[in-house]
N, C-alpha and C. Protein backbone atom coordinates (compact mmCIF):
# COMPACT_ATOMS: atom_id res chain seq x y z
N MET A 1 -24.53 -13.76 -9.61
CA MET A 1 -23.65 -13.87 -8.59
C MET A 1 -24.34 -13.96 -7.14
N GLN A 2 -24.06 -14.76 -6.32
CA GLN A 2 -24.59 -14.08 -4.85
C GLN A 2 -23.59 -13.88 -3.63
N TYR A 3 -24.18 -12.94 -3.10
CA TYR A 3 -22.83 -12.67 -1.96
C TYR A 3 -22.90 -14.30 -1.10
N GLN A 4 -23.51 -14.78 -0.97
CA GLN A 4 -23.60 -15.95 -0.08
C GLN A 4 -22.42 -17.09 -0.82
N GLU A 5 -22.55 -17.09 -1.86
CA GLU A 5 -21.92 -17.76 -2.32
C GLU A 5 -20.22 -17.94 -2.38
N LEU A 6 -19.78 -16.33 -2.45
CA LEU A 6 -18.48 -15.83 -2.00
C LEU A 6 -18.45 -16.15 -0.43
N LEU A 7 -19.28 -15.90 0.21
CA LEU A 7 -19.00 -16.08 1.87
C LEU A 7 -18.75 -17.78 2.05
N THR A 8 -19.76 -18.31 1.50
CA THR A 8 -19.37 -19.72 2.10
C THR A 8 -18.14 -20.30 1.34
N GLU A 9 -17.62 -19.53 0.04
CA GLU A 9 -16.29 -20.05 -0.26
C GLU A 9 -15.21 -20.03 0.55
N LEU A 10 -15.11 -18.59 1.18
CA LEU A 10 -14.61 -18.12 2.12
C LEU A 10 -14.32 -18.89 3.28
N LYS A 11 -15.64 -19.12 3.72
CA LYS A 11 -15.38 -19.85 5.44
C LYS A 11 -15.22 -21.26 5.01
N ASP A 12 -15.19 -21.93 3.88
CA ASP A 12 -14.74 -23.16 3.79
C ASP A 12 -13.11 -23.28 3.43
N ASN A 13 -12.62 -21.84 3.42
CA ASN A 13 -11.11 -21.95 3.18
C ASN A 13 -10.57 -21.06 4.45
N ALA A 14 -11.25 -21.34 5.50
CA ALA A 14 -10.96 -20.31 6.80
C ALA A 14 -9.92 -21.27 7.39
N ASP A 15 -9.15 -20.50 8.51
CA ASP A 15 -8.26 -21.13 8.76
C ASP A 15 -7.86 -20.83 10.46
N GLU A 16 -8.45 -21.17 11.50
CA GLU A 16 -8.87 -20.64 12.86
C GLU A 16 -7.22 -20.00 13.39
N GLU A 17 -6.52 -20.72 13.24
CA GLU A 17 -5.01 -20.65 13.74
C GLU A 17 -4.72 -19.05 12.97
N TYR A 18 -4.66 -19.31 11.55
CA TYR A 18 -4.18 -18.09 10.57
C TYR A 18 -5.18 -16.70 10.86
N LYS A 19 -6.16 -17.07 11.35
CA LYS A 19 -7.36 -15.91 11.62
C LYS A 19 -6.77 -15.48 13.03
N ALA A 20 -6.34 -15.83 13.99
CA ALA A 20 -5.68 -15.43 15.00
C ALA A 20 -4.50 -14.51 14.91
N PHE A 21 -3.73 -15.40 14.12
CA PHE A 21 -2.54 -14.73 13.59
C PHE A 21 -2.49 -13.26 13.13
N HIS A 22 -3.50 -13.43 11.73
CA HIS A 22 -3.79 -12.27 11.11
C HIS A 22 -4.47 -11.16 11.81
N SER A 23 -5.15 -11.43 12.88
CA SER A 23 -6.11 -10.28 13.39
C SER A 23 -4.77 -9.73 14.46
N ARG A 24 -3.86 -10.31 15.01
CA ARG A 24 -3.00 -9.66 15.75
C ARG A 24 -2.08 -8.32 14.95
N LEU A 25 -1.91 -9.32 13.88
CA LEU A 25 -1.17 -8.38 12.74
C LEU A 25 -1.70 -7.07 12.24
N LEU A 26 -3.16 -7.09 12.21
CA LEU A 26 -3.88 -6.04 11.66
C LEU A 26 -4.04 -4.90 12.83
N LYS A 27 -4.12 -5.42 14.02
CA LYS A 27 -4.02 -4.50 15.25
C LYS A 27 -5.32 -3.44 15.32
N ASN A 28 -6.37 -4.11 14.65
CA ASN A 28 -7.56 -3.48 14.38
C ASN A 28 -8.92 -4.29 14.75
N ASP A 29 -9.25 -4.26 16.16
CA ASP A 29 -10.66 -4.80 16.51
C ASP A 29 -12.11 -4.33 15.78
N ASN A 30 -11.73 -3.28 14.90
CA ASN A 30 -13.10 -3.16 14.32
C ASN A 30 -13.33 -4.07 12.89
N VAL A 31 -12.29 -4.83 12.34
CA VAL A 31 -12.14 -5.65 11.20
C VAL A 31 -12.27 -7.20 11.68
N ASN A 32 -13.49 -7.67 10.79
CA ASN A 32 -13.73 -9.08 11.06
C ASN A 32 -12.98 -9.97 10.41
N VAL A 33 -12.31 -10.90 10.60
CA VAL A 33 -11.55 -11.76 9.85
C VAL A 33 -11.90 -13.32 10.25
N LEU A 34 -11.98 -13.62 8.83
CA LEU A 34 -12.25 -15.06 8.67
C LEU A 34 -11.29 -16.33 9.00
N GLY A 35 -9.88 -15.53 8.38
CA GLY A 35 -8.54 -16.28 8.64
C GLY A 35 -8.50 -17.35 7.29
N VAL A 36 -8.55 -16.44 5.95
CA VAL A 36 -8.39 -17.20 4.49
C VAL A 36 -7.03 -16.54 4.43
N ARG A 37 -5.84 -17.38 3.77
CA ARG A 37 -4.61 -16.93 3.52
C ARG A 37 -4.82 -16.05 2.37
N VAL A 38 -3.80 -15.43 1.97
CA VAL A 38 -3.72 -14.45 1.00
C VAL A 38 -3.75 -15.23 -0.43
N PRO A 39 -2.50 -16.15 -0.63
CA PRO A 39 -2.73 -17.05 -1.90
C PRO A 39 -4.25 -17.45 -2.16
N VAL A 40 -4.97 -18.11 -1.43
CA VAL A 40 -6.25 -18.36 -1.74
C VAL A 40 -7.17 -17.55 -1.95
N LEU A 41 -6.82 -16.15 -1.13
CA LEU A 41 -7.71 -14.88 -1.79
C LEU A 41 -7.85 -14.61 -2.96
N ARG A 42 -6.20 -14.55 -3.62
CA ARG A 42 -6.00 -13.79 -5.01
C ARG A 42 -6.28 -15.12 -5.84
N LYS A 43 -6.73 -15.81 -5.48
CA LYS A 43 -7.03 -17.29 -6.41
C LYS A 43 -8.73 -17.22 -6.48
N ILE A 44 -9.34 -16.74 -5.57
CA ILE A 44 -10.73 -16.36 -5.53
C ILE A 44 -11.11 -15.17 -6.55
N ALA A 45 -10.19 -14.25 -5.87
CA ALA A 45 -10.46 -12.84 -6.80
C ALA A 45 -10.42 -13.11 -8.46
N LYS A 46 -9.65 -14.01 -9.03
CA LYS A 46 -9.39 -14.15 -10.09
C LYS A 46 -10.83 -14.57 -10.66
N LYS A 47 -11.81 -15.31 -10.13
CA LYS A 47 -12.98 -15.45 -10.35
C LYS A 47 -13.98 -14.79 -10.42
N TYR A 48 -13.68 -13.65 -9.92
CA TYR A 48 -14.88 -12.71 -9.72
C TYR A 48 -14.45 -11.07 -10.70
N LYS A 49 -13.34 -11.03 -11.25
CA LYS A 49 -12.81 -9.96 -11.99
C LYS A 49 -13.51 -9.68 -13.05
N ASP A 50 -14.50 -10.44 -13.46
CA ASP A 50 -15.31 -10.33 -14.77
C ASP A 50 -16.82 -9.72 -14.32
N SER A 51 -16.96 -9.50 -12.81
CA SER A 51 -17.83 -9.40 -12.24
C SER A 51 -17.71 -8.16 -11.30
N ALA A 52 -17.25 -7.28 -11.67
CA ALA A 52 -16.73 -6.17 -11.17
C ALA A 52 -17.98 -5.17 -10.08
N ASP A 53 -19.03 -5.05 -10.93
CA ASP A 53 -20.25 -4.09 -10.61
C ASP A 53 -20.77 -5.12 -9.50
N GLU A 54 -21.02 -6.32 -9.53
CA GLU A 54 -21.68 -7.01 -8.80
C GLU A 54 -20.78 -7.42 -7.31
N ILE A 55 -19.59 -7.51 -7.38
CA ILE A 55 -19.03 -7.96 -6.17
C ILE A 55 -18.47 -6.60 -5.45
N MET A 56 -18.68 -5.55 -6.17
CA MET A 56 -18.66 -4.23 -5.30
C MET A 56 -19.67 -3.98 -4.52
N ALA A 57 -20.74 -4.42 -4.87
CA ALA A 57 -22.19 -4.26 -4.30
C ALA A 57 -22.03 -4.99 -3.05
N PHE A 58 -21.29 -6.00 -2.91
CA PHE A 58 -21.38 -7.03 -1.78
C PHE A 58 -21.09 -6.08 -0.43
N PRO A 59 -21.56 -6.54 0.69
CA PRO A 59 -21.15 -5.78 2.13
C PRO A 59 -19.77 -6.54 2.50
N ASP A 60 -19.20 -4.87 3.06
CA ASP A 60 -17.61 -5.18 3.67
C ASP A 60 -18.19 -5.47 5.10
N GLU A 61 -18.43 -6.76 5.31
CA GLU A 61 -18.73 -7.34 6.52
C GLU A 61 -17.32 -8.17 7.26
N PHE A 62 -16.80 -8.75 6.13
CA PHE A 62 -15.37 -9.22 6.47
C PHE A 62 -14.56 -8.79 5.78
N TYR A 63 -13.25 -8.87 6.35
CA TYR A 63 -11.60 -8.40 5.82
C TYR A 63 -11.73 -9.03 4.52
N GLU A 64 -11.88 -10.56 4.24
CA GLU A 64 -11.62 -11.12 3.19
C GLU A 64 -12.53 -10.81 1.99
N VAL A 65 -13.77 -10.38 2.47
CA VAL A 65 -14.55 -9.83 1.17
C VAL A 65 -14.03 -8.92 0.62
N THR A 66 -13.64 -7.88 1.52
CA THR A 66 -13.09 -6.55 0.93
C THR A 66 -11.52 -6.75 0.12
N PHE A 67 -11.02 -7.62 0.68
CA PHE A 67 -9.70 -8.33 0.04
C PHE A 67 -10.02 -8.80 -1.39
N VAL A 68 -10.86 -9.68 -1.57
CA VAL A 68 -11.22 -10.16 -2.88
C VAL A 68 -11.87 -8.75 -3.77
N LYS A 69 -12.60 -8.10 -3.41
CA LYS A 69 -13.28 -7.01 -4.01
C LYS A 69 -12.02 -6.21 -4.94
N LEU A 70 -11.05 -6.13 -3.87
CA LEU A 70 -9.79 -5.07 -4.13
C LEU A 70 -9.11 -5.75 -5.37
N ALA A 71 -8.67 -7.05 -4.95
CA ALA A 71 -7.76 -7.61 -5.58
C ALA A 71 -8.36 -8.21 -6.94
N ALA A 72 -9.72 -8.25 -7.02
CA ALA A 72 -10.48 -8.59 -8.48
C ALA A 72 -10.18 -6.92 -9.07
N ILE A 73 -10.74 -6.07 -8.44
CA ILE A 73 -10.54 -4.57 -9.26
C ILE A 73 -9.13 -4.75 -9.96
N SER A 74 -8.06 -4.96 -9.39
CA SER A 74 -6.92 -4.61 -9.36
C SER A 74 -6.11 -5.42 -10.64
N LEU A 75 -7.02 -6.85 -10.96
CA LEU A 75 -6.96 -7.32 -12.10
C LEU A 75 -7.28 -6.81 -13.52
N LEU A 76 -7.93 -5.79 -13.36
CA LEU A 76 -8.66 -5.20 -14.47
C LEU A 76 -7.91 -4.32 -15.41
N GLU A 77 -8.13 -4.09 -16.58
CA GLU A 77 -7.13 -3.38 -17.51
C GLU A 77 -7.61 -2.16 -17.31
N TYR A 78 -6.73 -1.04 -17.22
CA TYR A 78 -6.76 0.18 -16.89
C TYR A 78 -8.00 0.87 -17.03
N GLY A 79 -8.42 0.71 -18.26
CA GLY A 79 -9.87 1.49 -18.43
C GLY A 79 -10.79 1.26 -17.37
N GLU A 80 -10.93 -0.24 -17.54
CA GLU A 80 -11.82 -0.44 -16.56
C GLU A 80 -11.61 -0.24 -15.10
N PHE A 81 -10.47 -0.63 -14.42
CA PHE A 81 -10.07 -0.24 -13.33
C PHE A 81 -10.34 1.15 -12.87
N ILE A 82 -9.99 2.21 -13.35
CA ILE A 82 -9.98 3.60 -13.13
C ILE A 82 -11.56 3.83 -12.76
N LYS A 83 -12.62 3.18 -13.29
CA LYS A 83 -13.88 3.63 -13.18
C LYS A 83 -14.12 3.13 -11.50
N TYR A 84 -13.43 2.20 -11.15
CA TYR A 84 -13.64 1.88 -9.64
C TYR A 84 -12.70 2.38 -8.47
N ILE A 85 -11.65 3.18 -8.85
CA ILE A 85 -10.46 3.49 -7.89
C ILE A 85 -10.98 4.27 -6.97
N ASP A 86 -11.93 5.10 -6.97
CA ASP A 86 -12.38 5.72 -5.99
C ASP A 86 -13.12 5.17 -5.01
N LYS A 87 -14.03 4.13 -5.29
CA LYS A 87 -14.85 3.53 -4.60
C LYS A 87 -13.95 2.44 -3.76
N CYS A 88 -13.02 1.99 -4.35
CA CYS A 88 -11.91 0.98 -3.87
C CYS A 88 -11.14 1.83 -2.48
N VAL A 89 -10.70 3.27 -2.93
CA VAL A 89 -9.68 3.88 -1.96
C VAL A 89 -10.84 3.88 -0.68
N LEU A 90 -12.04 4.22 -0.92
CA LEU A 90 -12.98 4.48 0.18
C LEU A 90 -13.20 3.42 1.10
N LEU A 91 -12.97 2.19 0.61
CA LEU A 91 -12.95 1.15 1.41
C LEU A 91 -11.56 0.67 2.37
N LEU A 92 -10.67 1.48 2.31
CA LEU A 92 -9.33 1.30 2.93
C LEU A 92 -9.26 1.85 4.15
N ASP A 93 -9.19 0.57 5.29
CA ASP A 93 -9.41 1.05 6.57
C ASP A 93 -8.44 0.36 7.36
N ASN A 94 -7.50 -0.43 6.84
CA ASN A 94 -6.36 -0.96 7.39
C ASN A 94 -5.22 -1.34 6.76
N TRP A 95 -4.07 -1.55 7.24
CA TRP A 95 -2.83 -1.48 6.57
C TRP A 95 -2.97 -2.55 5.17
N ALA A 96 -3.40 -3.82 5.92
CA ALA A 96 -3.36 -5.06 4.91
C ALA A 96 -4.04 -4.74 3.90
N ILE A 97 -5.08 -4.15 3.94
CA ILE A 97 -6.35 -4.05 2.81
C ILE A 97 -5.84 -2.99 1.80
N CYS A 98 -4.88 -1.93 2.45
CA CYS A 98 -4.68 -1.02 1.82
C CYS A 98 -3.26 -1.24 0.90
N ASP A 99 -2.53 -2.29 1.49
CA ASP A 99 -1.17 -2.53 0.59
C ASP A 99 -1.56 -3.93 -0.30
N CYS A 100 -2.71 -4.20 -0.39
CA CYS A 100 -3.22 -5.53 -1.31
C CYS A 100 -3.71 -4.74 -2.70
N LEU A 101 -3.87 -3.38 -2.36
CA LEU A 101 -4.34 -2.39 -3.96
C LEU A 101 -3.46 -2.26 -4.59
N ALA A 102 -2.80 -2.95 -5.35
CA ALA A 102 -1.45 -2.49 -6.29
C ALA A 102 -1.68 -3.00 -7.57
N PRO A 103 -2.78 -2.48 -8.10
CA PRO A 103 -3.13 -2.73 -9.79
C PRO A 103 -1.76 -2.44 -10.82
N LYS A 104 -1.25 -3.71 -11.29
CA LYS A 104 -0.17 -3.47 -11.98
C LYS A 104 -0.72 -2.80 -13.31
N CYS A 105 -1.68 -2.57 -13.84
CA CYS A 105 -1.87 -1.65 -14.64
C CYS A 105 -1.62 -0.36 -14.74
N ILE A 106 -1.27 0.04 -13.74
CA ILE A 106 -0.78 1.38 -13.36
C ILE A 106 0.59 1.44 -13.67
N ALA A 107 1.36 0.61 -14.07
CA ALA A 107 2.81 0.62 -14.49
C ALA A 107 2.80 1.21 -15.96
N ASN A 108 1.66 0.72 -16.75
CA ASN A 108 1.68 1.32 -18.40
C ASN A 108 0.90 2.46 -18.29
N HIS A 109 0.49 2.90 -17.10
CA HIS A 109 -0.12 4.21 -17.37
C HIS A 109 0.15 5.53 -16.23
N ARG A 110 1.28 5.56 -15.72
CA ARG A 110 1.45 6.34 -14.83
C ARG A 110 1.36 7.90 -14.92
N GLU A 111 1.24 8.30 -16.17
CA GLU A 111 0.85 9.74 -16.40
C GLU A 111 -0.27 9.86 -15.82
N GLU A 112 -0.88 9.14 -16.43
CA GLU A 112 -2.62 9.21 -16.36
C GLU A 112 -2.80 9.00 -15.03
N PHE A 113 -2.38 8.06 -14.10
CA PHE A 113 -2.79 8.02 -12.81
C PHE A 113 -2.29 8.99 -11.78
N PHE A 114 -1.37 9.86 -12.42
CA PHE A 114 -0.64 10.64 -11.28
C PHE A 114 -1.55 11.75 -10.56
N PRO A 115 -2.39 12.20 -11.23
CA PRO A 115 -3.45 12.99 -10.72
C PRO A 115 -4.39 12.03 -9.61
N TYR A 116 -4.35 11.05 -9.64
CA TYR A 116 -5.14 10.40 -8.55
C TYR A 116 -4.04 10.19 -7.29
N ILE A 117 -2.94 9.81 -7.72
CA ILE A 117 -1.77 9.84 -6.27
C ILE A 117 -1.94 11.27 -5.61
N LEU A 118 -1.90 12.16 -6.32
CA LEU A 118 -1.77 13.76 -5.63
C LEU A 118 -3.20 13.90 -4.88
N LYS A 119 -4.14 13.31 -5.46
CA LYS A 119 -5.80 13.53 -4.68
C LYS A 119 -5.50 12.74 -3.22
N TYR A 120 -5.03 11.43 -3.48
CA TYR A 120 -5.05 10.43 -2.33
C TYR A 120 -4.18 11.10 -1.21
N ALA A 121 -2.89 11.52 -2.08
CA ALA A 121 -2.03 11.94 -1.01
C ALA A 121 -2.42 13.21 -0.15
N SER A 122 -3.35 14.14 -0.73
CA SER A 122 -3.56 15.21 0.08
C SER A 122 -4.94 15.01 0.71
N SER A 123 -5.32 14.01 0.83
CA SER A 123 -6.40 13.26 1.89
C SER A 123 -6.14 13.30 3.09
N ASP A 124 -6.93 13.49 4.22
CA ASP A 124 -7.04 13.55 5.75
C ASP A 124 -6.71 11.82 6.16
N GLY A 125 -7.24 11.16 5.41
CA GLY A 125 -7.53 9.77 5.52
C GLY A 125 -6.25 9.10 5.60
N GLU A 126 -6.03 8.35 6.59
CA GLU A 126 -4.57 7.67 7.24
C GLU A 126 -4.29 6.94 5.71
N PHE A 127 -5.25 5.97 5.39
CA PHE A 127 -5.03 5.00 4.56
C PHE A 127 -5.27 5.52 3.12
N HIS A 128 -5.59 6.63 3.03
CA HIS A 128 -5.77 7.19 1.51
C HIS A 128 -4.35 7.49 1.35
N GLN A 129 -3.72 8.37 2.34
CA GLN A 129 -2.43 8.73 2.14
C GLN A 129 -1.63 7.77 1.96
N ARG A 130 -1.71 6.64 2.65
CA ARG A 130 -0.93 5.18 2.80
C ARG A 130 -0.81 4.64 1.17
N PHE A 131 -2.15 4.81 0.94
CA PHE A 131 -2.27 4.18 -0.51
C PHE A 131 -1.61 4.87 -1.69
N ALA A 132 -1.57 6.28 -1.64
CA ALA A 132 -0.73 7.33 -2.30
C ALA A 132 0.82 6.86 -2.43
N LEU A 133 1.28 6.95 -1.20
CA LEU A 133 2.73 6.45 -0.93
C LEU A 133 3.13 5.10 -1.38
N VAL A 134 2.16 4.04 -1.06
CA VAL A 134 2.70 2.67 -1.39
C VAL A 134 2.43 2.64 -3.07
N THR A 135 1.56 3.36 -3.50
CA THR A 135 1.84 3.32 -5.06
C THR A 135 2.83 3.88 -5.63
N LEU A 136 3.38 4.98 -5.24
CA LEU A 136 4.65 5.64 -5.48
C LEU A 136 5.70 4.30 -5.37
N LEU A 137 5.71 3.65 -4.05
CA LEU A 137 6.73 2.71 -4.18
C LEU A 137 6.83 1.52 -5.22
N HIS A 138 5.65 1.00 -5.50
CA HIS A 138 5.54 -0.04 -6.27
C HIS A 138 5.65 0.71 -7.87
N PHE A 139 5.43 1.76 -8.26
CA PHE A 139 5.56 2.21 -9.63
C PHE A 139 6.16 3.21 -9.96
N TYR A 140 6.65 4.03 -9.17
CA TYR A 140 7.07 5.19 -9.54
C TYR A 140 8.89 5.53 -9.17
N THR A 141 9.41 4.71 -8.53
CA THR A 141 10.52 4.89 -7.79
C THR A 141 11.70 4.84 -8.80
N GLU A 142 11.55 5.76 -9.59
CA GLU A 142 12.85 6.17 -10.71
C GLU A 142 13.02 7.69 -10.55
N GLU A 143 14.25 7.69 -10.67
CA GLU A 143 14.74 9.15 -10.39
C GLU A 143 14.19 10.27 -11.03
N ARG A 144 13.57 10.16 -12.28
CA ARG A 144 12.57 11.26 -12.71
C ARG A 144 11.54 11.54 -11.96
N TYR A 145 11.02 10.67 -11.22
CA TYR A 145 10.08 11.08 -10.01
C TYR A 145 10.64 11.54 -8.91
N ALA A 146 11.78 11.54 -8.55
CA ALA A 146 12.42 11.93 -7.31
C ALA A 146 11.79 13.04 -6.41
N GLU A 147 11.88 14.23 -7.22
CA GLU A 147 11.42 15.45 -6.45
C GLU A 147 9.99 15.40 -6.24
N THR A 148 9.38 14.81 -7.09
CA THR A 148 7.89 14.75 -6.59
C THR A 148 7.74 13.49 -5.32
N ILE A 149 8.34 12.84 -5.44
CA ILE A 149 7.90 11.76 -4.45
C ILE A 149 8.47 12.35 -2.94
N PHE A 150 9.68 13.09 -2.83
CA PHE A 150 9.75 13.75 -1.78
C PHE A 150 9.17 14.64 -1.36
N GLY A 151 8.37 15.58 -2.25
CA GLY A 151 7.45 16.69 -2.02
C GLY A 151 6.28 16.05 -1.31
N ILE A 152 5.86 14.86 -1.56
CA ILE A 152 4.88 14.27 -1.37
C ILE A 152 5.13 13.95 0.17
N CYS A 153 6.22 13.29 0.25
CA CYS A 153 6.98 12.82 1.72
C CYS A 153 6.78 13.72 2.54
N GLU A 154 7.26 14.87 1.93
CA GLU A 154 7.28 16.23 2.92
C GLU A 154 5.90 16.63 3.66
N LYS A 155 4.82 16.36 2.57
CA LYS A 155 3.58 17.04 2.89
C LYS A 155 2.74 15.81 3.62
N SER A 156 3.31 14.71 3.53
CA SER A 156 2.41 13.67 4.13
C SER A 156 2.43 13.63 5.46
N ASP A 157 1.22 13.47 6.21
CA ASP A 157 1.03 13.34 7.79
C ASP A 157 1.75 12.47 8.64
N SER A 158 2.68 12.51 8.84
CA SER A 158 3.53 11.40 9.35
C SER A 158 3.36 11.16 10.67
N SER A 159 2.50 12.04 11.53
CA SER A 159 1.89 11.58 12.76
C SER A 159 1.03 10.84 12.92
N LEU A 160 0.64 9.94 11.52
CA LEU A 160 -0.25 9.14 11.67
C LEU A 160 0.76 7.80 11.22
N TYR A 161 0.57 6.77 12.14
CA TYR A 161 1.52 5.67 11.92
C TYR A 161 1.63 5.15 10.90
N TYR A 162 0.46 4.62 10.10
CA TYR A 162 0.61 4.01 9.05
C TYR A 162 1.02 4.99 7.75
N VAL A 163 0.97 6.27 7.79
CA VAL A 163 1.45 6.93 6.85
C VAL A 163 2.97 7.08 7.14
N HIS A 164 3.40 7.34 8.34
CA HIS A 164 4.90 7.55 9.05
C HIS A 164 5.63 6.11 8.34
N MET A 165 4.94 5.07 8.41
CA MET A 165 5.74 3.81 8.12
C MET A 165 5.70 3.69 6.54
N ALA A 166 4.81 4.36 5.54
CA ALA A 166 4.90 4.14 4.32
C ALA A 166 5.64 5.16 3.76
N VAL A 167 6.18 6.42 4.28
CA VAL A 167 6.83 7.42 4.15
C VAL A 167 8.20 6.60 4.50
N ALA A 168 8.55 6.06 5.38
CA ALA A 168 9.94 5.50 5.74
C ALA A 168 10.37 4.61 4.44
N TRP A 169 9.18 3.85 4.47
CA TRP A 169 9.57 2.51 3.66
C TRP A 169 9.68 2.96 1.88
N LEU A 170 9.12 4.25 1.43
CA LEU A 170 9.04 4.71 0.36
C LEU A 170 10.74 5.40 0.14
N ILE A 171 11.01 6.33 1.23
CA ILE A 171 12.46 6.81 1.10
C ILE A 171 13.40 5.59 1.52
N ALA A 172 13.34 4.60 1.83
CA ALA A 172 14.32 3.40 1.94
C ALA A 172 14.74 2.97 0.57
N GLU A 173 12.89 3.00 -0.11
CA GLU A 173 13.29 2.38 -1.45
C GLU A 173 14.11 3.37 -2.40
N THR A 174 13.80 4.77 -2.25
CA THR A 174 14.56 5.66 -3.22
C THR A 174 15.82 5.64 -2.80
N LEU A 175 16.47 5.09 -1.45
CA LEU A 175 17.85 4.96 -0.98
C LEU A 175 18.76 3.71 -2.15
N VAL A 176 17.63 3.02 -1.96
CA VAL A 176 18.35 1.80 -2.92
C VAL A 176 18.27 2.02 -4.30
N LYS A 177 17.25 2.66 -4.88
CA LYS A 177 17.24 3.06 -6.29
C LYS A 177 17.97 4.15 -6.93
N PHE A 178 18.08 5.29 -6.12
CA PHE A 178 18.98 6.36 -6.53
C PHE A 178 19.33 7.00 -5.37
N TYR A 179 20.43 6.07 -4.81
CA TYR A 179 21.06 6.54 -3.57
C TYR A 179 21.60 8.10 -3.11
N GLU A 180 22.35 8.81 -4.14
CA GLU A 180 22.89 10.05 -4.09
C GLU A 180 21.81 11.09 -4.01
N THR A 181 20.99 10.75 -4.70
CA THR A 181 19.81 11.87 -4.83
C THR A 181 18.88 11.65 -3.38
N ALA A 182 18.46 10.35 -3.36
CA ALA A 182 17.99 10.38 -1.82
C ALA A 182 18.99 10.98 -0.34
N VAL A 183 20.17 10.54 -0.70
CA VAL A 183 20.93 10.86 0.48
C VAL A 183 20.66 12.56 0.70
N ASN A 184 20.76 13.23 -0.36
CA ASN A 184 20.70 14.66 -0.60
C ASN A 184 19.34 15.35 -0.05
N PHE A 185 18.28 14.21 -0.52
CA PHE A 185 17.08 14.79 0.45
C PHE A 185 17.21 14.50 1.86
N LEU A 186 17.80 13.47 2.38
CA LEU A 186 17.80 13.41 3.83
C LEU A 186 18.42 14.31 4.36
N LYS A 187 19.53 14.93 3.67
CA LYS A 187 20.43 15.77 4.74
C LYS A 187 19.76 17.16 4.66
N LYS A 188 18.67 17.27 4.06
CA LYS A 188 17.76 18.56 4.13
C LYS A 188 17.25 18.48 5.44
N ASN A 189 17.08 17.44 6.03
CA ASN A 189 16.13 17.01 7.19
C ASN A 189 14.78 17.65 7.13
N SER A 190 14.18 17.53 6.16
CA SER A 190 12.54 17.98 5.96
C SER A 190 11.86 17.06 6.66
N LEU A 191 12.14 15.73 6.86
CA LEU A 191 11.16 14.88 7.34
C LEU A 191 11.19 15.27 9.06
N ASN A 192 10.13 14.72 9.51
CA ASN A 192 10.32 14.91 11.34
C ASN A 192 11.25 13.57 11.60
N LYS A 193 11.99 14.21 13.01
CA LYS A 193 12.91 13.24 13.35
C LYS A 193 12.85 11.48 13.24
N LYS A 194 11.49 11.25 13.74
CA LYS A 194 11.00 9.68 13.91
C LYS A 194 11.16 8.96 12.46
N THR A 195 10.40 9.70 11.59
CA THR A 195 10.16 8.97 10.22
C THR A 195 11.76 9.01 9.46
N HIS A 196 12.29 10.15 9.42
CA HIS A 196 13.95 10.23 9.00
C HIS A 196 14.60 9.13 9.56
N ASN A 197 14.58 8.88 10.78
CA ASN A 197 15.35 7.97 11.51
C ASN A 197 14.94 6.36 11.02
N LYS A 198 13.27 6.06 10.85
CA LYS A 198 12.99 5.03 10.55
C LYS A 198 13.28 4.73 8.90
N ALA A 199 13.27 5.72 8.33
CA ALA A 199 13.54 5.46 6.68
C ALA A 199 15.15 4.87 6.77
N ILE A 200 16.09 5.65 7.50
CA ILE A 200 17.38 5.39 7.18
C ILE A 200 17.38 3.61 7.85
N GLN A 201 16.80 3.47 9.12
CA GLN A 201 16.84 1.99 9.40
C GLN A 201 16.42 0.76 8.51
N LYS A 202 15.28 1.30 7.84
CA LYS A 202 14.80 0.38 6.94
C LYS A 202 15.66 0.28 5.86
N ALA A 203 16.37 1.05 5.38
CA ALA A 203 17.37 1.21 4.25
C ALA A 203 18.72 0.31 4.78
N CYS A 204 19.22 0.67 5.90
CA CYS A 204 20.09 -0.24 6.44
C CYS A 204 19.69 -2.03 6.69
N GLU A 205 18.29 -2.34 6.64
CA GLU A 205 17.95 -3.61 6.96
C GLU A 205 18.04 -4.10 5.42
N SER A 206 18.14 -3.51 4.21
CA SER A 206 18.39 -4.10 2.89
C SER A 206 19.56 -4.52 2.77
N TYR A 207 19.15 -5.77 1.86
CA TYR A 207 20.85 -6.49 1.10
C TYR A 207 21.15 -5.72 0.17
N ARG A 208 20.45 -4.68 -0.45
CA ARG A 208 20.90 -4.38 -1.83
C ARG A 208 21.39 -2.81 -1.45
N LEU A 209 22.12 -2.44 -0.38
CA LEU A 209 22.85 -1.39 -0.16
C LEU A 209 23.90 -1.80 0.45
N SER A 210 25.33 -1.33 0.17
CA SER A 210 26.91 -1.79 0.63
C SER A 210 26.88 -1.27 1.88
N LYS A 211 27.62 -1.94 2.59
CA LYS A 211 28.08 -1.42 4.04
C LYS A 211 28.48 -0.23 4.13
N GLU A 212 29.30 0.24 3.11
CA GLU A 212 29.72 1.53 3.18
C GLU A 212 28.35 2.59 3.04
N GLN A 213 27.69 2.14 2.58
CA GLN A 213 26.40 3.06 1.69
C GLN A 213 25.71 2.91 3.50
N LYS A 214 25.51 1.76 4.32
CA LYS A 214 24.62 1.66 5.38
C LYS A 214 25.53 2.43 6.25
N ASN A 215 27.01 2.36 6.64
CA ASN A 215 27.40 3.16 7.60
C ASN A 215 27.25 4.74 7.41
N TYR A 216 27.14 4.78 5.95
CA TYR A 216 27.13 6.79 5.93
C TYR A 216 25.86 6.98 6.38
N LEU A 217 24.75 6.38 6.14
CA LEU A 217 23.26 6.59 6.42
C LEU A 217 23.30 6.54 7.98
N LYS A 218 24.05 5.90 8.77
CA LYS A 218 23.79 5.96 10.26
C LYS A 218 24.44 6.98 10.64
N GLY A 219 25.07 7.44 9.89
CA GLY A 219 25.98 8.74 10.32
C GLY A 219 24.96 10.12 10.25
N LEU A 220 23.58 10.01 9.42
CA LEU A 220 22.98 10.90 8.95
C LEU A 220 21.58 10.75 10.02
N LYS A 221 21.38 9.74 10.90
CA LYS A 221 20.52 9.75 11.91
C LYS A 221 20.63 11.08 12.96
N ARG A 222 19.43 11.53 13.36
CA ARG A 222 19.11 12.75 14.18
C ARG A 222 18.89 12.22 15.48
């Protein structure tokens, strides 16, 4: 398998209009974008999931190449996936790449994967922390994990924009999944004001909470 083969396929599927749109969303001029839409990238990634070593050696000169790498690794069974997770996390340098790394195999190996959550959550890296938070959101939003989730949110560096947004997103999801427990957490006021209020805002945007719940949450704003 040659890198040029992947690059040619990506360029053949590139869309200049989408490139401009996605580049604006990324808000990172250091990321080179070809303009391939996500469904196409995921389809391409499926072809590479049995060639993990080869694809991980490809250069990361384009956003889409890194996306295909991470999407392909995310399709592996847990025992194989875990061999690559540290290398994958090192590639996270923007919110879109970070959020595409959501391996479904974690769902059946949550206890085994938890040490990795703690490791990335305690990293100084903005997108390492975001990956930990988004992984909690995808696979751990059950009441039995509530105290751990809240503890990680309290320790996260919410002065970093994409960490701040991930904490707010995660807390909003806990309000949907276990409302009373999450409300009691918010009442502690242990998050900074900006993140606290953003979490309430995002929860109130959800159709899964009642009007009464939303009105109560708005009263908790600081």
